[in-house]
Amino acid sequence: MRTNIDLDDELIREARRYSKARTKRGLVEEALRTLVRVRSEERRRATYRDRLGALERKLAGLVLHDSPADLVRQDRETR
């Protein structure tokens, strides 16, 4: 998508110190990817307790070799 945006020059200079991007476009794309990754990790962590509770309810009465927390952790690591 093509767009024109007015960027803060000082913020661009500071961001370039932390980035390997050579262009402003590359810098903006890296920033967007980082934002998506960070927010998706935040969401995943926020829902961890809910997912763990749902799994424990689903598995109530079953005898497992691993705890539900270990199962969720293994599932999370495979994603």
N, C-alpha and C. Protein backbone atom coordinates (compact mmCIF):
# COMPACT_ATOMS: atom_id res chain seq x y z
N MET A 1 0.85 -1.17 0.00
CA MET A 1 0.00 0.00 0.00
C MET A 1 0.90 1.23 0.00
N ARG A 2 0.57 2.14 -0.83
CA ARG A 2 1.35 3.36 -0.93
C ARG A 2 0.66 4.44 -0.11
N THR A 3 1.47 5.16 0.70
CA THR A 3 0.92 6.24 1.50
C THR A 3 2.01 7.26 1.80
N ASN A 4 1.61 8.44 2.12
CA ASN A 4 2.54 9.49 2.52
C ASN A 4 2.26 9.83 3.97
N ILE A 5 3.32 9.85 4.78
CA ILE A 5 3.17 10.21 6.18
C ILE A 5 4.27 11.17 6.58
N ASP A 6 3.96 12.03 7.53
CA ASP A 6 4.92 12.99 8.05
C ASP A 6 5.53 12.37 9.30
N LEU A 7 6.85 12.08 9.25
CA LEU A 7 7.53 11.42 10.35
C LEU A 7 8.38 12.41 11.13
N ASP A 8 8.46 12.22 12.42
CA ASP A 8 9.28 13.05 13.30
C ASP A 8 10.75 12.73 13.01
N ASP A 9 11.50 13.72 12.53
CA ASP A 9 12.90 13.51 12.16
C ASP A 9 13.75 13.02 13.33
N GLU A 10 13.54 13.57 14.51
CA GLU A 10 14.32 13.14 15.68
C GLU A 10 14.00 11.69 16.04
N LEU A 11 12.74 11.31 15.95
CA LEU A 11 12.35 9.93 16.24
C LEU A 11 12.95 8.97 15.21
N ILE A 12 12.99 9.38 13.95
CA ILE A 12 13.61 8.56 12.90
C ILE A 12 15.09 8.38 13.18
N ARG A 13 15.79 9.45 13.56
CA ARG A 13 17.22 9.36 13.88
C ARG A 13 17.45 8.40 15.04
N GLU A 14 16.64 8.51 16.07
CA GLU A 14 16.79 7.63 17.22
C GLU A 14 16.49 6.18 16.85
N ALA A 15 15.44 5.96 16.08
CA ALA A 15 15.08 4.60 15.67
C ALA A 15 16.17 3.97 14.82
N ARG A 16 16.81 4.76 13.99
CA ARG A 16 17.89 4.23 13.12
C ARG A 16 19.07 3.73 13.93
N ARG A 17 19.26 4.27 15.14
CA ARG A 17 20.36 3.80 15.98
C ARG A 17 20.12 2.35 16.42
N TYR A 18 18.86 1.93 16.49
CA TYR A 18 18.51 0.59 16.95
C TYR A 18 18.19 -0.37 15.81
N SER A 19 18.21 0.12 14.61
CA SER A 19 17.76 -0.69 13.47
C SER A 19 18.88 -0.87 12.46
N LYS A 20 18.76 -1.95 11.69
CA LYS A 20 19.68 -2.17 10.58
C LYS A 20 19.06 -1.72 9.26
N ALA A 21 17.84 -1.21 9.32
CA ALA A 21 17.16 -0.75 8.12
C ALA A 21 17.94 0.41 7.50
N ARG A 22 18.01 0.41 6.19
CA ARG A 22 18.77 1.45 5.50
C ARG A 22 17.87 2.58 4.97
N THR A 23 16.57 2.30 4.91
CA THR A 23 15.65 3.31 4.38
C THR A 23 14.56 3.59 5.41
N LYS A 24 13.88 4.71 5.22
CA LYS A 24 12.75 5.02 6.10
C LYS A 24 11.65 3.98 5.93
N ARG A 25 11.45 3.53 4.71
CA ARG A 25 10.45 2.50 4.46
C ARG A 25 10.79 1.23 5.25
N GLY A 26 12.04 0.82 5.19
CA GLY A 26 12.47 -0.36 5.92
C GLY A 26 12.31 -0.18 7.42
N LEU A 27 12.59 1.03 7.89
CA LEU A 27 12.46 1.34 9.30
C LEU A 27 10.99 1.26 9.74
N VAL A 28 10.10 1.82 8.95
CA VAL A 28 8.66 1.78 9.26
C VAL A 28 8.16 0.34 9.22
N GLU A 29 8.58 -0.45 8.23
CA GLU A 29 8.15 -1.84 8.15
C GLU A 29 8.65 -2.63 9.36
N GLU A 30 9.89 -2.40 9.75
CA GLU A 30 10.43 -3.09 10.94
C GLU A 30 9.64 -2.70 12.18
N ALA A 31 9.32 -1.42 12.30
CA ALA A 31 8.55 -0.95 13.46
C ALA A 31 7.17 -1.59 13.49
N LEU A 32 6.52 -1.70 12.33
CA LEU A 32 5.21 -2.32 12.28
C LEU A 32 5.27 -3.81 12.63
N ARG A 33 6.27 -4.50 12.10
CA ARG A 33 6.44 -5.93 12.44
C ARG A 33 6.69 -6.11 13.94
N THR A 34 7.51 -5.23 14.50
CA THR A 34 7.80 -5.31 15.93
C THR A 34 6.54 -5.05 16.75
N LEU A 35 5.75 -4.07 16.36
CA LEU A 35 4.50 -3.78 17.05
C LEU A 35 3.56 -4.98 17.03
N VAL A 36 3.40 -5.59 15.87
CA VAL A 36 2.53 -6.76 15.74
C VAL A 36 3.03 -7.90 16.61
N ARG A 37 4.32 -8.16 16.60
CA ARG A 37 4.89 -9.25 17.40
C ARG A 37 4.70 -9.00 18.89
N VAL A 38 5.01 -7.79 19.33
CA VAL A 38 4.90 -7.46 20.76
C VAL A 38 3.46 -7.55 21.22
N ARG A 39 2.54 -6.98 20.45
CA ARG A 39 1.13 -6.99 20.87
C ARG A 39 0.54 -8.39 20.84
N SER A 40 0.94 -9.22 19.87
CA SER A 40 0.41 -10.58 19.83
C SER A 40 0.95 -11.38 21.02
N GLU A 41 2.21 -11.15 21.40
CA GLU A 41 2.76 -11.81 22.59
C GLU A 41 2.04 -11.34 23.85
N GLU A 42 1.74 -10.05 23.93
CA GLU A 42 0.99 -9.53 25.08
C GLU A 42 -0.38 -10.19 25.17
N ARG A 43 -1.05 -10.30 24.04
CA ARG A 43 -2.38 -10.92 24.02
C ARG A 43 -2.29 -12.38 24.43
N ARG A 44 -1.29 -13.08 23.92
CA ARG A 44 -1.13 -14.49 24.27
C ARG A 44 -0.88 -14.65 25.77
N ARG A 45 -0.03 -13.81 26.33
CA ARG A 45 0.22 -13.88 27.77
C ARG A 45 -1.02 -13.53 28.57
N ALA A 46 -1.79 -12.56 28.11
CA ALA A 46 -3.00 -12.15 28.81
C ALA A 46 -4.05 -13.25 28.82
N THR A 47 -4.09 -14.07 27.79
CA THR A 47 -5.10 -15.12 27.71
C THR A 47 -4.59 -16.45 28.23
N TYR A 48 -3.35 -16.52 28.66
CA TYR A 48 -2.76 -17.78 29.12
C TYR A 48 -3.57 -18.38 30.27
N ARG A 49 -3.89 -17.59 31.27
CA ARG A 49 -4.63 -18.09 32.42
C ARG A 49 -6.00 -18.62 32.01
N ASP A 50 -6.68 -17.91 31.12
CA ASP A 50 -7.98 -18.36 30.63
C ASP A 50 -7.85 -19.69 29.88
N ARG A 51 -6.84 -19.79 29.01
CA ARG A 51 -6.63 -21.02 28.26
C ARG A 51 -6.27 -22.18 29.17
N LEU A 52 -5.48 -21.90 30.19
CA LEU A 52 -5.10 -22.94 31.14
C LEU A 52 -6.32 -23.43 31.92
N GLY A 53 -7.17 -22.51 32.37
CA GLY A 53 -8.39 -22.89 33.08
C GLY A 53 -9.32 -23.72 32.21
N ALA A 54 -9.46 -23.32 30.95
CA ALA A 54 -10.31 -24.08 30.03
C ALA A 54 -9.76 -25.49 29.82
N LEU A 55 -8.46 -25.60 29.71
CA LEU A 55 -7.85 -26.91 29.54
C LEU A 55 -8.05 -27.77 30.78
N GLU A 56 -7.88 -27.18 31.96
CA GLU A 56 -8.08 -27.93 33.20
C GLU A 56 -9.52 -28.43 33.32
N ARG A 57 -10.50 -27.59 32.97
CA ARG A 57 -11.91 -28.02 32.99
C ARG A 57 -12.16 -29.13 31.99
N LYS A 58 -11.57 -29.00 30.82
CA LYS A 58 -11.75 -30.00 29.77
C LYS A 58 -11.16 -31.36 30.17
N LEU A 59 -10.07 -31.31 30.90
CA LEU A 59 -9.36 -32.53 31.25
C LEU A 59 -9.70 -33.04 32.65
N ALA A 60 -10.65 -32.42 33.31
CA ALA A 60 -11.02 -32.84 34.68
C ALA A 60 -11.40 -34.32 34.67
N GLY A 61 -10.86 -35.04 35.61
CA GLY A 61 -11.18 -36.46 35.72
C GLY A 61 -10.25 -37.36 34.94
N LEU A 62 -9.46 -36.82 34.05
CA LEU A 62 -8.51 -37.63 33.31
C LEU A 62 -7.19 -37.73 34.07
N VAL A 63 -6.54 -38.85 33.95
CA VAL A 63 -5.23 -39.01 34.57
C VAL A 63 -4.19 -38.73 33.49
N LEU A 64 -3.36 -37.73 33.75
CA LEU A 64 -2.36 -37.30 32.77
C LEU A 64 -0.96 -37.55 33.30
N HIS A 65 -0.05 -37.81 32.41
CA HIS A 65 1.35 -37.95 32.79
C HIS A 65 1.98 -36.58 33.01
N ASP A 66 1.48 -35.56 32.29
CA ASP A 66 1.97 -34.19 32.42
C ASP A 66 0.86 -33.33 32.99
N SER A 67 1.24 -32.24 33.66
CA SER A 67 0.24 -31.31 34.18
C SER A 67 -0.34 -30.50 33.03
N PRO A 68 -1.57 -29.99 33.20
CA PRO A 68 -2.14 -29.14 32.15
C PRO A 68 -1.25 -27.93 31.81
N ALA A 69 -0.61 -27.38 32.83
CA ALA A 69 0.29 -26.24 32.59
C ALA A 69 1.43 -26.65 31.66
N ASP A 70 1.98 -27.84 31.86
CA ASP A 70 3.05 -28.32 30.99
C ASP A 70 2.54 -28.53 29.57
N LEU A 71 1.33 -29.04 29.43
CA LEU A 71 0.75 -29.25 28.10
C LEU A 71 0.57 -27.93 27.36
N VAL A 72 0.06 -26.92 28.07
CA VAL A 72 -0.14 -25.60 27.45
C VAL A 72 1.21 -25.01 27.09
N ARG A 73 2.19 -25.15 27.96
CA ARG A 73 3.52 -24.62 27.69
C ARG A 73 4.11 -25.27 26.44
N GLN A 74 3.96 -26.58 26.32
CA GLN A 74 4.46 -27.29 25.14
C GLN A 74 3.74 -26.81 23.88
N ASP A 75 2.43 -26.61 23.99
CA ASP A 75 1.65 -26.12 22.85
C ASP A 75 2.12 -24.73 22.45
N ARG A 76 2.35 -23.88 23.44
CA ARG A 76 2.79 -22.51 23.16
C ARG A 76 4.14 -22.51 22.48
N GLU A 77 5.02 -23.39 22.88
CA GLU A 77 6.36 -23.44 22.29
C GLU A 77 6.36 -23.92 20.85
N THR A 78 5.33 -24.67 20.45
CA THR A 78 5.26 -25.16 19.08
C THR A 78 4.69 -24.14 18.12
N ARG A 79 4.14 -23.06 18.62
CA ARG A 79 3.54 -22.03 17.76
C ARG A 79 4.54 -21.05 17.30
